[in-house]
C-alpha atoms as a PDB file:
ATOM      1  CA  MET A   1     235.529 250.887 161.832  1.00  0.00           C
ATOM      2  CA  ALA A   2     234.584 253.906 159.704  1.00  0.00           C
ATOM      3  CA  ARG A   3     231.017 253.685 160.977  1.00  0.00           C
ATOM      4  CA  VAL A   4     232.153 253.716 164.605  1.00  0.00           C
ATOM      5  CA  VAL A   5     234.328 256.771 163.982  1.00  0.00           C
ATOM      6  CA  LYS A   6     231.566 258.540 162.086  1.00  0.00           C
ATOM      7  CA  GLU A   7     229.047 257.952 164.881  1.00  0.00           C
ATOM      8  CA  SER A   8     231.427 258.935 167.710  1.00  0.00           C
ATOM      9  CA  ASP A   9     231.736 262.336 169.367  1.00  0.00           C
ATOM     10  CA  VAL A  10     235.372 261.742 170.334  1.00  0.00           C
ATOM     11  CA  VAL A  11     238.001 259.442 168.849  1.00  0.00           C
ATOM     12  CA  ILE A  12     241.311 258.901 170.635  1.00  0.00           C
ATOM     13  CA  PHE A  13     244.253 257.628 168.630  1.00  0.00           C
ATOM     14  CA  SER A  14     248.010 257.929 168.751  1.00  0.00           C
ATOM     15  CA  VAL A  15     250.033 259.957 166.277  1.00  0.00           C
ATOM     16  CA  LYS A  16     253.525 261.356 166.215  1.00  0.00           C
ATOM     17  CA  PRO A  17     253.405 264.764 167.968  1.00  0.00           C
ATOM     18  CA  GLN A  18     254.377 266.736 164.871  1.00  0.00           C
ATOM     19  CA  VAL A  19     251.355 265.413 162.942  1.00  0.00           C
ATOM     20  CA  ASP A  20     247.766 266.778 163.065  1.00  0.00           C
ATOM     21  CA  ARG A  21     245.871 268.801 165.741  1.00  0.00           C
ATOM     22  CA  PHE A  22     246.802 267.088 169.003  1.00  0.00           C
ATOM     23  CA  VAL A  23     246.807 267.272 172.778  1.00  0.00           C
ATOM     24  CA  ARG A  24     249.617 265.268 174.357  1.00  0.00           C
ATOM     25  CA  VAL A  25     248.554 263.449 177.538  1.00  0.00           C
ATOM     26  CA  MET A  26     250.691 261.362 179.849  1.00  0.00           C
ATOM     27  CA  PRO A  27     248.621 259.439 182.416  1.00  0.00           C
ATOM     28  CA  ASN A  28     250.418 257.394 185.066  1.00  0.00           C
ATOM     29  CA  THR A  29     249.751 253.779 186.032  1.00  0.00           C
ATOM     30  CA  PRO A  30     247.065 254.446 188.701  1.00  0.00           C
ATOM     31  CA  ALA A  31     244.718 255.418 185.845  1.00  0.00           C
ATOM     32  CA  ALA A  32     243.719 251.757 185.826  1.00  0.00           C
ATOM     33  CA  VAL A  33     241.995 252.267 189.202  1.00  0.00           C
ATOM     34  CA  GLY A  34     240.778 255.856 188.767  1.00  0.00           C
ATOM     35  CA  GLU A  35     243.607 257.445 190.779  1.00  0.00           C
ATOM     36  CA  ALA A  36     245.731 258.869 187.954  1.00  0.00           C
ATOM     37  CA  ALA A  37     247.661 262.082 187.829  1.00  0.00           C
ATOM     38  CA  SER A  38     247.735 263.005 184.136  1.00  0.00           C
ATOM     39  CA  VAL A  39     249.457 265.947 182.514  1.00  0.00           C
ATOM     40  CA  MET A  40     248.579 267.430 179.142  1.00  0.00           C
ATOM     41  CA  SER A  41     250.137 269.831 176.706  1.00  0.00           C
ATOM     42  CA  LEU A  42     248.203 271.458 173.876  1.00  0.00           C
ATOM     43  CA  GLY A  43     249.760 271.153 170.431  1.00  0.00           C
ATOM     44  CA  THR A  44     250.140 274.347 168.417  1.00  0.00           C
ATOM     45  CA  ALA A  45     246.965 273.677 166.423  1.00  0.00           C
ATOM     46  CA  ALA A  46     244.898 272.485 169.407  1.00  0.00           C
ATOM     47  CA  THR A  47     242.290 274.838 170.809  1.00  0.00           C
ATOM     48  CA  GLU A  48     241.416 275.574 174.430  1.00  0.00           C
ATOM     49  CA  GLU A  49     238.159 273.715 173.743  1.00  0.00           C
ATOM     50  CA  ASP A  50     240.209 270.653 172.722  1.00  0.00           C
ATOM     51  CA  GLY A  51     242.082 270.929 176.013  1.00  0.00           C
ATOM     52  CA  ALA A  52     238.878 271.252 178.018  1.00  0.00           C
ATOM     53  CA  LEU A  53     237.431 268.134 176.386  1.00  0.00           C
ATOM     54  CA  VAL A  54     240.600 266.120 176.985  1.00  0.00           C
ATOM     55  CA  ALA A  55     240.757 267.323 180.603  1.00  0.00           C
ATOM     56  CA  LYS A  56     237.157 266.235 181.108  1.00  0.00           C
ATOM     57  CA  LEU A  57     237.771 262.790 179.605  1.00  0.00           C
ATOM     58  CA  PHE A  58     240.965 262.112 181.567  1.00  0.00           C
ATOM     59  CA  GLY A  59     239.379 263.606 184.677  1.00  0.00           C
ATOM     60  CA  PHE A  60     237.319 260.444 184.905  1.00  0.00           C
ATOM     61  CA  VAL A  61     240.466 258.478 185.791  1.00  0.00           C
ATOM     62  CA  GLY A  62     242.023 260.969 188.205  1.00  0.00           C
ATOM     63  CA  LYS A  63     243.521 264.446 188.426  1.00  0.00           C
ATOM     64  CA  MET A  64     244.471 266.405 185.315  1.00  0.00           C
ATOM     65  CA  PHE A  65     247.195 269.032 185.017  1.00  0.00           C
ATOM     66  CA  LYS A  66     248.369 271.244 182.163  1.00  0.00           C
ATOM     67  CA  ALA A  67     252.018 272.012 181.372  1.00  0.00           C
ATOM     68  CA  ASP A  68     253.994 273.676 178.605  1.00  0.00           C
ATOM     69  CA  GLU A  69     255.493 271.164 176.191  1.00  0.00           C
ATOM     70  CA  LYS A  70     259.035 272.261 177.161  1.00  0.00           C
ATOM     71  CA  MET A  71     258.334 271.149 180.753  1.00  0.00           C
ATOM     72  CA  PHE A  72     256.655 267.863 179.831  1.00  0.00           C
ATOM     73  CA  ASP A  73     259.661 265.603 180.469  1.00  0.00           C
ATOM     74  CA  VAL A  74     260.270 267.155 183.885  1.00  0.00           C
ATOM     75  CA  VAL A  75     256.633 266.925 184.947  1.00  0.00           C
ATOM     76  CA  THR A  76     256.200 263.323 183.797  1.00  0.00           C
ATOM     77  CA  GLY A  77     259.489 262.407 185.502  1.00  0.00           C
ATOM     78  CA  LEU A  78     258.151 263.786 188.773  1.00  0.00           C
ATOM     79  CA  MET A  79     254.854 261.953 188.326  1.00  0.00           C
ATOM     80  CA  TYR A  80     256.588 258.601 187.972  1.00  0.00           C
ATOM     81  CA  ALA A  81     259.065 259.259 190.783  1.00  0.00           C
ATOM     82  CA  THR A  82     256.317 259.563 193.404  1.00  0.00           C
END
Protein backbone atom coordinates (compact mmCIF):
# COMPACT_ATOMS: atom_id res chain seq x y z
CA MET A 1 0.00 0.00 0.00
CA ALA A 2 2.81 2.44 0.83
CA ARG A 3 4.19 2.04 -2.68
CA VAL A 4 0.84 2.88 -4.25
CA VAL A 5 0.52 6.00 -2.10
CA LYS A 6 4.09 7.05 -2.82
CA GLU A 7 3.60 6.70 -6.59
CA SER A 8 0.21 8.46 -6.67
CA ASP A 9 -0.45 12.13 -7.41
CA VAL A 10 -3.67 12.16 -5.38
CA VAL A 11 -4.83 9.94 -2.52
CA ILE A 12 -8.41 10.14 -1.27
CA PHE A 13 -9.18 8.87 2.21
CA SER A 14 -11.67 9.63 4.93
CA VAL A 15 -10.78 11.38 8.16
CA LYS A 16 -12.73 13.14 10.85
CA PRO A 17 -13.18 16.78 9.73
CA GLN A 18 -11.15 18.24 12.59
CA VAL A 19 -8.06 16.24 11.58
CA ASP A 20 -5.49 17.17 8.88
CA ARG A 21 -5.73 19.42 5.76
CA PHE A 22 -9.07 18.47 4.21
CA VAL A 23 -11.75 19.35 1.70
CA ARG A 24 -15.18 18.02 2.66
CA VAL A 25 -17.16 16.71 -0.32
CA MET A 26 -20.69 15.36 -0.35
CA PRO A 27 -21.60 13.72 -3.68
CA ASN A 28 -25.13 12.43 -4.19
CA THR A 29 -26.18 9.01 -5.47
CA PRO A 30 -26.19 9.84 -9.22
CA ALA A 31 -22.37 9.98 -9.02
CA ALA A 32 -22.50 6.29 -9.89
CA VAL A 33 -23.68 7.21 -13.41
CA GLY A 34 -21.79 10.49 -13.89
CA GLU A 35 -24.76 12.75 -13.07
CA ALA A 36 -23.81 13.86 -9.55
CA ALA A 37 -24.29 17.20 -7.91
CA SER A 38 -21.48 17.42 -5.35
CA VAL A 39 -20.80 20.19 -2.88
CA MET A 40 -17.47 20.90 -1.22
CA SER A 41 -16.22 22.97 1.66
CA LEU A 42 -12.56 23.80 2.17
CA GLY A 43 -11.16 23.04 5.61
CA THR A 44 -9.27 25.83 7.36
CA ALA A 45 -5.89 24.43 6.31
CA ALA A 46 -6.93 23.58 2.73
CA THR A 47 -5.72 25.83 -0.05
CA GLU A 48 -7.59 27.12 -3.09
CA GLU A 49 -5.36 24.80 -5.13
CA ASP A 50 -6.64 21.86 -3.04
CA GLY A 51 -10.18 22.96 -3.83
CA ALA A 52 -9.45 23.28 -7.54
CA LEU A 53 -8.00 19.76 -7.64
CA VAL A 54 -10.95 18.28 -5.76
CA ALA A 55 -13.40 20.15 -8.02
CA LYS A 56 -11.63 18.76 -11.07
CA LEU A 57 -11.70 15.19 -9.74
CA PHE A 58 -15.36 15.27 -8.70
CA GLY A 59 -16.24 17.12 -11.90
CA PHE A 60 -15.73 13.84 -13.71
CA VAL A 61 -18.87 12.46 -12.03
CA GLY A 62 -21.09 15.52 -12.39
CA LYS A 63 -21.48 19.13 -11.29
CA MET A 64 -19.44 20.57 -8.44
CA PHE A 65 -20.45 23.40 -6.11
CA LYS A 66 -18.68 25.16 -3.25
CA ALA A 67 -20.35 26.19 0.02
CA ASP A 68 -19.29 27.53 3.40
CA GLU A 69 -19.09 24.80 6.03
CA LYS A 70 -21.88 26.47 8.06
CA MET A 71 -24.25 25.97 5.10
CA PHE A 72 -23.19 22.40 4.34
CA ASP A 73 -26.12 20.67 6.06
CA VAL A 74 -28.65 22.89 4.30
CA VAL A 75 -27.07 22.44 0.87
CA THR A 76 -26.74 18.66 1.18
CA GLY A 77 -30.33 18.47 2.45
CA LEU A 78 -31.51 20.27 -0.67
CA MET A 79 -29.41 18.01 -2.90
CA TYR A 80 -31.03 14.88 -1.50
CA ALA A 81 -34.54 16.34 -1.51
CA THR A 82 -34.56 16.80 -5.29
